[in-house]
Amino acid sequence: MLITASKIAAPVLFTSLSVGVLISILQVATQIQEMTLTFVPKIIAAVAVLLIAGSWMLGTLSQFTRDLFMLASTV
């Protein structure tokens, strides 16, 4: 169960982390301390990942739900 949750959350989390680190490095280099400069690109990147990998995420969750109901019926 935790492995499935990790598989589903990992693409969005790692993308947001990567974009956040890159923007932070850019802010340090240019000495711009604007909060929206970090927030907006992370949201855009997360939405892009959801659009690209959303069908895979939904398929994985659907398969997990089917497996869960199959296991529940054997109890």
Foldseek 3Di string as FASTA:
>chain_A
DVVLVCVLCVVLVVQLVVLLVVQVVVCVVVVDDDPVSSVVVSVVSSVVCCVVCVVVNVVSVVVVVVVVVVVVVVD
